[in-house]
């Protein structure tokens, strides 16, 4: 709060799949750069989106729509997160 309203917020969008990692693995496309479409961001002159984005691919055992009939402890689901900053 000491820097308000000039603080920087982290905005993260995570995408996952209902399929296990033996069917689908989400990852960054090495041949295309990641970026933020700042034209799609509603400009109310309160926030500025930074161009730099960070990506992270990981796996999780948790999923909000569990299929109890097929849940095996060793199976995981792929998660891909994209993070940008707004100030």
PDB file of N, CA and C in Angstrom:
ATOM      1  N   UNK A   1       0.813  -1.196   0.000  1.00  0.00           N
ATOM      2  CA  UNK A   1       0.000   0.000   0.000  1.00  0.00           C
ATOM      3  C   UNK A   1       0.861   1.267   0.000  1.00  0.00           C
ATOM      4  N   UNK A   2       2.144   1.131   0.350  1.00  0.00           N
ATOM      5  CA  UNK A   2       3.008   2.307   0.383  1.00  0.00           C
ATOM      6  C   UNK A   2       3.176   2.913  -1.000  1.00  0.00           C
ATOM      7  N   UNK A   3       3.055   2.106  -2.044  1.00  0.00           N
ATOM      8  CA  UNK A   3       3.269   2.574  -3.408  1.00  0.00           C
ATOM      9  C   UNK A   3       1.963   2.826  -4.151  1.00  0.00           C
ATOM     10  N   UNK A   4       0.818   2.630  -3.496  1.00  0.00           N
ATOM     11  CA  UNK A   4      -0.464   2.814  -4.152  1.00  0.00           C
ATOM     12  C   UNK A   4      -0.609   4.247  -4.624  1.00  0.00           C
ATOM     13  N   UNK A   5      -1.089   4.576  -5.799  1.00  0.00           N
ATOM     14  CA  UNK A   5      -1.583   3.656  -6.817  1.00  0.00           C
ATOM     15  C   UNK A   5      -0.514   3.231  -7.814  1.00  0.00           C
ATOM     16  N   UNK A   6       0.735   3.376  -7.479  1.00  0.00           N
ATOM     17  CA  UNK A   6       1.819   3.061  -8.415  1.00  0.00           C
ATOM     18  C   UNK A   6       2.391   1.664  -8.213  1.00  0.00           C
ATOM     19  N   UNK A   7       1.644   0.776  -7.618  1.00  0.00           N
ATOM     20  CA  UNK A   7       2.141  -0.575  -7.414  1.00  0.00           C
ATOM     21  C   UNK A   7       1.991  -1.402  -8.692  1.00  0.00           C
ATOM     22  N   UNK A   8       2.603  -2.569  -8.717  1.00  0.00           N
ATOM     23  CA  UNK A   8       2.557  -3.462  -9.865  1.00  0.00           C
ATOM     24  C   UNK A   8       1.822  -4.731  -9.453  1.00  0.00           C
ATOM     25  N   UNK A   9       0.833  -5.110 -10.234  1.00  0.00           N
ATOM     26  CA  UNK A   9       0.051  -6.316  -9.969  1.00  0.00           C
ATOM     27  C   UNK A   9       0.429  -7.400 -10.961  1.00  0.00           C
ATOM     28  N   UNK A  10       0.383  -8.630 -10.519  1.00  0.00           N
ATOM     29  CA  UNK A  10       0.655  -9.777 -11.380  1.00  0.00           C
ATOM     30  C   UNK A  10      -0.676 -10.368 -11.839  1.00  0.00           C
ATOM     31  N   UNK A  11      -0.841 -10.491 -13.156  1.00  0.00           N
ATOM     32  CA  UNK A  11      -2.057 -11.062 -13.729  1.00  0.00           C
ATOM     33  C   UNK A  11      -1.712 -12.395 -14.356  1.00  0.00           C
ATOM     34  N   UNK A  12      -2.299 -13.468 -13.862  1.00  0.00           N
ATOM     35  CA  UNK A  12      -1.983 -14.810 -14.348  1.00  0.00           C
ATOM     36  C   UNK A  12      -3.245 -15.506 -14.834  1.00  0.00           C
ATOM     37  N   UNK A  13      -3.144 -16.112 -16.013  1.00  0.00           N
ATOM     38  CA  UNK A  13      -4.209 -16.949 -16.549  1.00  0.00           C
ATOM     39  C   UNK A  13      -3.645 -18.355 -16.672  1.00  0.00           C
ATOM     40  N   UNK A  14      -4.312 -19.321 -16.063  1.00  0.00           N
ATOM     41  CA  UNK A  14      -3.884 -20.715 -16.123  1.00  0.00           C
ATOM     42  C   UNK A  14      -4.919 -21.531 -16.885  1.00  0.00           C
ATOM     43  N   UNK A  15      -4.425 -22.372 -17.786  1.00  0.00           N
ATOM     44  CA  UNK A  15      -5.281 -23.239 -18.588  1.00  0.00           C
ATOM     45  C   UNK A  15      -4.910 -24.671 -18.244  1.00  0.00           C
ATOM     46  N   UNK A  16      -5.915 -25.498 -18.037  1.00  0.00           N
ATOM     47  CA  UNK A  16      -5.665 -26.907 -17.762  1.00  0.00           C
ATOM     48  C   UNK A  16      -6.602 -27.749 -18.624  1.00  0.00           C
ATOM     49  N   UNK A  17      -6.458 -29.022 -18.547  1.00  0.00           N
ATOM     50  CA  UNK A  17      -7.262 -29.939 -19.341  1.00  0.00           C
ATOM     51  C   UNK A  17      -7.844 -31.017 -18.444  1.00  0.00           C
ATOM     52  N   UNK A  18      -8.954 -31.575 -18.858  1.00  0.00           N
ATOM     53  CA  UNK A  18      -9.546 -32.665 -18.086  1.00  0.00           C
ATOM     54  C   UNK A  18      -8.879 -33.998 -18.412  1.00  0.00           C
ATOM     55  N   UNK A  19      -8.042 -34.018 -19.448  1.00  0.00           N
ATOM     56  CA  UNK A  19      -7.321 -35.239 -19.822  1.00  0.00           C
ATOM     57  C   UNK A  19      -6.040 -35.375 -19.009  1.00  0.00           C
ATOM     58  N   UNK A  20      -5.645 -36.604 -18.755  1.00  0.00           N
ATOM     59  CA  UNK A  20      -4.396 -36.857 -18.034  1.00  0.00           C
ATOM     60  C   UNK A  20      -3.201 -36.625 -18.946  1.00  0.00           C
ATOM     61  N   UNK A  21      -2.021 -36.539 -18.343  1.00  0.00           N
ATOM     62  CA  UNK A  21      -0.807 -36.213 -19.104  1.00  0.00           C
ATOM     63  C   UNK A  21      -0.392 -37.300 -20.094  1.00  0.00           C
ATOM     64  N   UNK A  22      -1.000 -38.466 -20.063  1.00  0.00           N
ATOM     65  CA  UNK A  22      -0.704 -39.458 -21.100  1.00  0.00           C
ATOM     66  C   UNK A  22      -1.445 -39.145 -22.403  1.00  0.00           C
ATOM     67  N   UNK A  23      -2.424 -38.209 -22.353  1.00  0.00           N
ATOM     68  CA  UNK A  23      -3.185 -37.808 -23.546  1.00  0.00           C
ATOM     69  C   UNK A  23      -2.823 -36.402 -24.028  1.00  0.00           C
ATOM     70  N   UNK A  24      -2.650 -35.439 -23.092  1.00  0.00           N
ATOM     71  CA  UNK A  24      -2.418 -34.031 -23.448  1.00  0.00           C
ATOM     72  C   UNK A  24      -1.368 -33.435 -22.528  1.00  0.00           C
ATOM     73  N   UNK A  25      -0.400 -32.746 -23.131  1.00  0.00           N
ATOM     74  CA  UNK A  25       0.570 -31.958 -22.370  1.00  0.00           C
ATOM     75  C   UNK A  25       0.593 -30.562 -22.974  1.00  0.00           C
ATOM     76  N   UNK A  26       0.251 -29.567 -22.164  1.00  0.00           N
ATOM     77  CA  UNK A  26       0.244 -28.180 -22.606  1.00  0.00           C
ATOM     78  C   UNK A  26       1.640 -27.598 -22.429  1.00  0.00           C
ATOM     79  N   UNK A  27       2.118 -26.856 -23.441  1.00  0.00           N
ATOM     80  CA  UNK A  27       3.447 -26.252 -23.340  1.00  0.00           C
ATOM     81  C   UNK A  27       3.531 -25.039 -24.247  1.00  0.00           C
ATOM     82  N   UNK A  28       4.573 -24.242 -24.051  1.00  0.00           N
ATOM     83  CA  UNK A  28       4.814 -23.043 -24.848  1.00  0.00           C
ATOM     84  C   UNK A  28       5.298 -23.435 -26.231  1.00  0.00           C
ATOM     85  N   UNK A  29       4.837 -22.711 -27.239  1.00  0.00           N
ATOM     86  CA  UNK A  29       5.273 -22.928 -28.613  1.00  0.00           C
ATOM     87  C   UNK A  29       6.633 -22.253 -28.792  1.00  0.00           C
ATOM     88  N   UNK A  30       7.669 -23.028 -28.993  1.00  0.00           N
ATOM     89  CA  UNK A  30       9.029 -22.500 -29.108  1.00  0.00           C
ATOM     90  C   UNK A  30       9.231 -21.631 -30.346  1.00  0.00           C
ATOM     91  N   UNK A  31       8.335 -21.731 -31.329  1.00  0.00           N
ATOM     92  CA  UNK A  31       8.502 -21.023 -32.594  1.00  0.00           C
ATOM     93  C   UNK A  31       7.741 -19.697 -32.655  1.00  0.00           C
ATOM     94  N   UNK A  32       6.934 -19.403 -31.640  1.00  0.00           N
ATOM     95  CA  UNK A  32       6.181 -18.153 -31.604  1.00  0.00           C
ATOM     96  C   UNK A  32       6.406 -17.455 -30.271  1.00  0.00           C
ATOM     97  N   UNK A  33       6.611 -16.159 -30.325  1.00  0.00           N
ATOM     98  CA  UNK A  33       6.798 -15.395 -29.100  1.00  0.00           C
ATOM     99  C   UNK A  33       5.478 -15.229 -28.361  1.00  0.00           C
ATOM    100  N   UNK A  34       5.571 -15.175 -27.053  1.00  0.00           N
ATOM    101  CA  UNK A  34       4.410 -14.898 -26.232  1.00  0.00           C
ATOM    102  C   UNK A  34       4.271 -13.383 -26.107  1.00  0.00           C
ATOM    103  N   UNK A  35       3.072 -12.910 -25.953  1.00  0.00           N
ATOM    104  CA  UNK A  35       2.860 -11.477 -25.810  1.00  0.00           C
ATOM    105  C   UNK A  35       1.463 -11.196 -25.295  1.00  0.00           C
ATOM    106  N   UNK A  36       1.209  -9.935 -25.074  1.00  0.00           N
ATOM    107  CA  UNK A  36      -0.081  -9.476 -24.582  1.00  0.00           C
ATOM    108  C   UNK A  36      -0.702  -8.598 -25.656  1.00  0.00           C
ATOM    109  N   UNK A  37      -1.942  -8.880 -26.018  1.00  0.00           N
ATOM    110  CA  UNK A  37      -2.673  -8.020 -26.936  1.00  0.00           C
ATOM    111  C   UNK A  37      -3.222  -6.858 -26.116  1.00  0.00           C
ATOM    112  N   UNK A  38      -2.472  -5.783 -26.072  1.00  0.00           N
ATOM    113  CA  UNK A  38      -2.873  -4.660 -25.231  1.00  0.00           C
ATOM    114  C   UNK A  38      -4.072  -3.907 -25.797  1.00  0.00           C
ATOM    115  N   UNK A  39      -4.400  -4.107 -27.063  1.00  0.00           N
ATOM    116  CA  UNK A  39      -5.592  -3.475 -27.637  1.00  0.00           C
ATOM    117  C   UNK A  39      -6.866  -4.099 -27.080  1.00  0.00           C
ATOM    118  N   UNK A  40      -6.793  -5.342 -26.650  1.00  0.00           N
ATOM    119  CA  UNK A  40      -7.965  -6.022 -26.083  1.00  0.00           C
ATOM    120  C   UNK A  40      -8.203  -5.617 -24.633  1.00  0.00           C
ATOM    121  N   UNK A  41      -7.227  -4.981 -24.016  1.00  0.00           N
ATOM    122  CA  UNK A  41      -7.336  -4.545 -22.629  1.00  0.00           C
ATOM    123  C   UNK A  41      -8.114  -3.233 -22.589  1.00  0.00           C
ATOM    124  N   UNK A  42      -9.170  -3.174 -21.796  1.00  0.00           N
ATOM    125  CA  UNK A  42      -9.975  -1.958 -21.717  1.00  0.00           C
ATOM    126  C   UNK A  42      -9.157  -0.880 -21.025  1.00  0.00           C
ATOM    127  N   UNK A  43      -8.869   0.182 -21.747  1.00  0.00           N
ATOM    128  CA  UNK A  43      -8.036   1.262 -21.227  1.00  0.00           C
ATOM    129  C   UNK A  43      -8.898   2.284 -20.497  1.00  0.00           C
ATOM    130  N   UNK A  44      -8.741   2.314 -19.188  1.00  0.00           N
ATOM    131  CA  UNK A  44      -9.421   3.322 -18.397  1.00  0.00           C
ATOM    132  C   UNK A  44      -8.396   4.258 -17.763  1.00  0.00           C
ATOM    133  N   UNK A  45      -7.205   4.267 -18.299  1.00  0.00           N
ATOM    134  CA  UNK A  45      -6.101   5.116 -17.874  1.00  0.00           C
ATOM    135  C   UNK A  45      -5.736   4.917 -16.408  1.00  0.00           C
ATOM    136  N   UNK A  46      -6.069   3.764 -15.859  1.00  0.00           N
ATOM    137  CA  UNK A  46      -5.684   3.452 -14.488  1.00  0.00           C
ATOM    138  C   UNK A  46      -4.532   2.467 -14.451  1.00  0.00           C
ATOM    139  N   UNK A  47      -4.439   1.599 -15.450  1.00  0.00           N
ATOM    140  CA  UNK A  47      -3.431   0.555 -15.467  1.00  0.00           C
ATOM    141  C   UNK A  47      -2.671   0.579 -16.780  1.00  0.00           C
ATOM    142  N   UNK A  48      -1.423   0.205 -16.722  1.00  0.00           N
ATOM    143  CA  UNK A  48      -0.621   0.034 -17.919  1.00  0.00           C
ATOM    144  C   UNK A  48      -0.144  -1.416 -17.945  1.00  0.00           C
ATOM    145  N   UNK A  49      -0.403  -2.130 -19.030  1.00  0.00           N
ATOM    146  CA  UNK A  49       0.066  -3.503 -19.154  1.00  0.00           C
ATOM    147  C   UNK A  49       1.493  -3.500 -19.678  1.00  0.00           C
ATOM    148  N   UNK A  50       2.353  -4.227 -19.013  1.00  0.00           N
ATOM    149  CA  UNK A  50       3.724  -4.395 -19.485  1.00  0.00           C
ATOM    150  C   UNK A  50       3.734  -5.406 -20.626  1.00  0.00           C
ATOM    151  N   UNK A  51       4.652  -5.247 -21.571  1.00  0.00           N
ATOM    152  CA  UNK A  51       4.717  -6.144 -22.722  1.00  0.00           C
ATOM    153  C   UNK A  51       5.273  -7.515 -22.368  1.00  0.00           C
ATOM    154  N   UNK A  52       6.141  -7.581 -21.375  1.00  0.00           N
ATOM    155  CA  UNK A  52       6.806  -8.839 -21.009  1.00  0.00           C
ATOM    156  C   UNK A  52       5.802  -9.812 -20.395  1.00  0.00           C
ATOM    157  N   UNK A  53       5.860 -11.051 -20.836  1.00  0.00           N
ATOM    158  CA  UNK A  53       5.049 -12.112 -20.238  1.00  0.00           C
ATOM    159  C   UNK A  53       5.953 -13.264 -19.821  1.00  0.00           C
ATOM    160  N   UNK A  54       5.516 -13.996 -18.842  1.00  0.00           N
ATOM    161  CA  UNK A  54       6.222 -15.182 -18.380  1.00  0.00           C
ATOM    162  C   UNK A  54       5.284 -16.369 -18.528  1.00  0.00           C
ATOM    163  N   UNK A  55       5.844 -17.511 -18.851  1.00  0.00           N
ATOM    164  CA  UNK A  55       5.038 -18.721 -18.988  1.00  0.00           C
ATOM    165  C   UNK A  55       5.579 -19.808 -18.075  1.00  0.00           C
ATOM    166  N   UNK A  56       4.699 -20.699 -17.690  1.00  0.00           N
ATOM    167  CA  UNK A  56       5.107 -21.828 -16.853  1.00  0.00           C
ATOM    168  C   UNK A  56       4.245 -23.034 -17.198  1.00  0.00           C
ATOM    169  N   UNK A  57       4.885 -24.142 -17.460  1.00  0.00           N
ATOM    170  CA  UNK A  57       4.181 -25.404 -17.675  1.00  0.00           C
ATOM    171  C   UNK A  57       4.431 -26.282 -16.452  1.00  0.00           C
ATOM    172  N   UNK A  58       3.379 -26.888 -15.957  1.00  0.00           N
ATOM    173  CA  UNK A  58       3.512 -27.739 -14.768  1.00  0.00           C
ATOM    174  C   UNK A  58       2.426 -28.801 -14.806  1.00  0.00           C
ATOM    175  N   UNK A  59       2.421 -29.636 -13.798  1.00  0.00           N
ATOM    176  CA  UNK A  59       1.412 -30.685 -13.684  1.00  0.00           C
ATOM    177  C   UNK A  59       0.746 -30.584 -12.324  1.00  0.00           C
ATOM    178  N   UNK A  60      -0.495 -31.032 -12.266  1.00  0.00           N
ATOM    179  CA  UNK A  60      -1.216 -31.029 -11.010  1.00  0.00           C
ATOM    180  C   UNK A  60      -2.006 -32.326 -10.874  1.00  0.00           C
ATOM    181  N   UNK A  61      -2.206 -32.739  -9.657  1.00  0.00           N
ATOM    182  CA  UNK A  61      -3.067 -33.893  -9.384  1.00  0.00           C
ATOM    183  C   UNK A  61      -4.474 -33.422  -9.053  1.00  0.00           C
ATOM    184  N   UNK A  62      -4.601 -32.138  -8.725  1.00  0.00           N
ATOM    185  CA  UNK A  62      -5.895 -31.578  -8.364  1.00  0.00           C
ATOM    186  C   UNK A  62      -6.633 -31.113  -9.602  1.00  0.00           C
ATOM    187  N   UNK A  63      -7.946 -31.252  -9.585  1.00  0.00           N
ATOM    188  CA  UNK A  63      -8.777 -30.808 -10.684  1.00  0.00           C
ATOM    189  C   UNK A  63     -10.178 -30.605 -10.138  1.00  0.00           C
ATOM    190  N   UNK A  64     -10.849 -29.510 -10.463  1.00  0.00           N
ATOM    191  CA  UNK A  64     -12.148 -29.247  -9.837  1.00  0.00           C
ATOM    192  C   UNK A  64     -13.253 -30.229 -10.226  1.00  0.00           C
ATOM    193  N   UNK A  65     -13.114 -30.920 -11.350  1.00  0.00           N
ATOM    194  CA  UNK A  65     -14.146 -31.856 -11.802  1.00  0.00           C
ATOM    195  C   UNK A  65     -13.565 -33.264 -11.808  1.00  0.00           C
ATOM    196  N   UNK A  66     -13.336 -33.787 -10.662  1.00  0.00           N
ATOM    197  CA  UNK A  66     -12.718 -35.115 -10.547  1.00  0.00           C
ATOM    198  C   UNK A  66     -13.620 -36.204 -11.089  1.00  0.00           C
ATOM    199  N   UNK A  67     -12.999 -37.126 -11.779  1.00  0.00           N
ATOM    200  CA  UNK A  67     -13.694 -38.323 -12.241  1.00  0.00           C
ATOM    201  C   UNK A  67     -13.273 -39.440 -11.292  1.00  0.00           C
ATOM    202  N   UNK A  68     -14.072 -39.694 -10.283  1.00  0.00           N
ATOM    203  CA  UNK A  68     -13.704 -40.653  -9.239  1.00  0.00           C
ATOM    204  C   UNK A  68     -13.518 -42.067  -9.781  1.00  0.00           C
ATOM    205  N   UNK A  69     -14.151 -42.386 -10.889  1.00  0.00           N
ATOM    206  CA  UNK A  69     -14.031 -43.728 -11.448  1.00  0.00           C
ATOM    207  C   UNK A  69     -12.658 -43.986 -12.058  1.00  0.00           C
ATOM    208  N   UNK A  70     -11.983 -42.932 -12.490  1.00  0.00           N
ATOM    209  CA  UNK A  70     -10.700 -43.098 -13.156  1.00  0.00           C
ATOM    210  C   UNK A  70      -9.548 -42.436 -12.414  1.00  0.00           C
ATOM    211  N   UNK A  71      -9.796 -41.927 -11.224  1.00  0.00           N
ATOM    212  CA  UNK A  71      -8.753 -41.215 -10.478  1.00  0.00           C
ATOM    213  C   UNK A  71      -7.691 -42.193  -9.989  1.00  0.00           C
ATOM    214  N   UNK A  72      -6.481 -41.973 -10.451  1.00  0.00           N
ATOM    215  CA  UNK A  72      -5.339 -42.756  -9.982  1.00  0.00           C
ATOM    216  C   UNK A  72      -4.318 -41.773  -9.434  1.00  0.00           C
ATOM    217  N   UNK A  73      -3.711 -42.119  -8.336  1.00  0.00           N
ATOM    218  CA  UNK A  73      -2.816 -41.182  -7.672  1.00  0.00           C
ATOM    219  C   UNK A  73      -1.625 -40.788  -8.533  1.00  0.00           C
ATOM    220  N   UNK A  74      -1.134 -41.701  -9.380  1.00  0.00           N
ATOM    221  CA  UNK A  74       0.050 -41.398 -10.180  1.00  0.00           C
ATOM    222  C   UNK A  74      -0.267 -40.565 -11.420  1.00  0.00           C
ATOM    223  N   UNK A  75      -1.537 -40.408 -11.772  1.00  0.00           N
ATOM    224  CA  UNK A  75      -1.890 -39.630 -12.950  1.00  0.00           C
ATOM    225  C   UNK A  75      -1.961 -38.144 -12.621  1.00  0.00           C
ATOM    226  N   UNK A  76      -1.502 -37.332 -13.580  1.00  0.00           N
ATOM    227  CA  UNK A  76      -1.481 -35.886 -13.403  1.00  0.00           C
ATOM    228  C   UNK A  76      -2.112 -35.228 -14.619  1.00  0.00           C
ATOM    229  N   UNK A  77      -2.459 -33.956 -14.450  1.00  0.00           N
ATOM    230  CA  UNK A  77      -2.994 -33.161 -15.549  1.00  0.00           C
ATOM    231  C   UNK A  77      -2.048 -31.991 -15.821  1.00  0.00           C
ATOM    232  N   UNK A  78      -1.965 -31.632 -17.092  1.00  0.00           N
ATOM    233  CA  UNK A  78      -1.088 -30.551 -17.525  1.00  0.00           C
ATOM    234  C   UNK A  78      -1.747 -29.197 -17.243  1.00  0.00           C
ATOM    235  N   UNK A  79      -0.935 -28.227 -16.791  1.00  0.00           N
ATOM    236  CA  UNK A  79      -1.385 -26.858 -16.540  1.00  0.00           C
ATOM    237  C   UNK A  79      -0.397 -25.929 -17.218  1.00  0.00           C
ATOM    238  N   UNK A  80      -0.897 -24.910 -17.920  1.00  0.00           N
ATOM    239  CA  UNK A  80      -0.038 -23.924 -18.557  1.00  0.00           C
ATOM    240  C   UNK A  80      -0.498 -22.548 -18.090  1.00  0.00           C
ATOM    241  N   UNK A  81       0.440 -21.747 -17.549  1.00  0.00           N
ATOM    242  CA  UNK A  81       0.117 -20.427 -17.026  1.00  0.00           C
ATOM    243  C   UNK A  81       0.870 -19.347 -17.783  1.00  0.00           C
ATOM    244  N   UNK A  82       0.183 -18.243 -18.032  1.00  0.00           N
ATOM    245  CA  UNK A  82       0.779 -17.060 -18.661  1.00  0.00           C
ATOM    246  C   UNK A  82       0.581 -15.908 -17.698  1.00  0.00           C
ATOM    247  N   UNK A  83       1.680 -15.196 -17.405  1.00  0.00           N
ATOM    248  CA  UNK A  83       1.652 -14.099 -16.441  1.00  0.00           C
ATOM    249  C   UNK A  83       2.163 -12.818 -17.076  1.00  0.00           C
ATOM    250  N   UNK A  84       1.451 -11.721 -16.853  1.00  0.00           N
ATOM    251  CA  UNK A  84       1.948 -10.403 -17.246  1.00  0.00           C
ATOM    252  C   UNK A  84       1.790  -9.486 -16.043  1.00  0.00           C
ATOM    253  N   UNK A  85       2.328  -8.305 -16.146  1.00  0.00           N
ATOM    254  CA  UNK A  85       2.275  -7.362 -15.041  1.00  0.00           C
ATOM    255  C   UNK A  85       1.564  -6.093 -15.487  1.00  0.00           C
ATOM    256  N   UNK A  86       0.830  -5.500 -14.544  1.00  0.00           N
ATOM    257  CA  UNK A  86       0.137  -4.237 -14.788  1.00  0.00           C
ATOM    258  C   UNK A  86       0.519  -3.273 -13.668  1.00  0.00           C
ATOM    259  N   UNK A  87       0.721  -2.044 -14.034  1.00  0.00           N
ATOM    260  CA  UNK A  87       1.118  -1.044 -13.046  1.00  0.00           C
ATOM    261  C   UNK A  87       0.355   0.235 -13.221  1.00  0.00           C
TER     262      UNK A  87
END
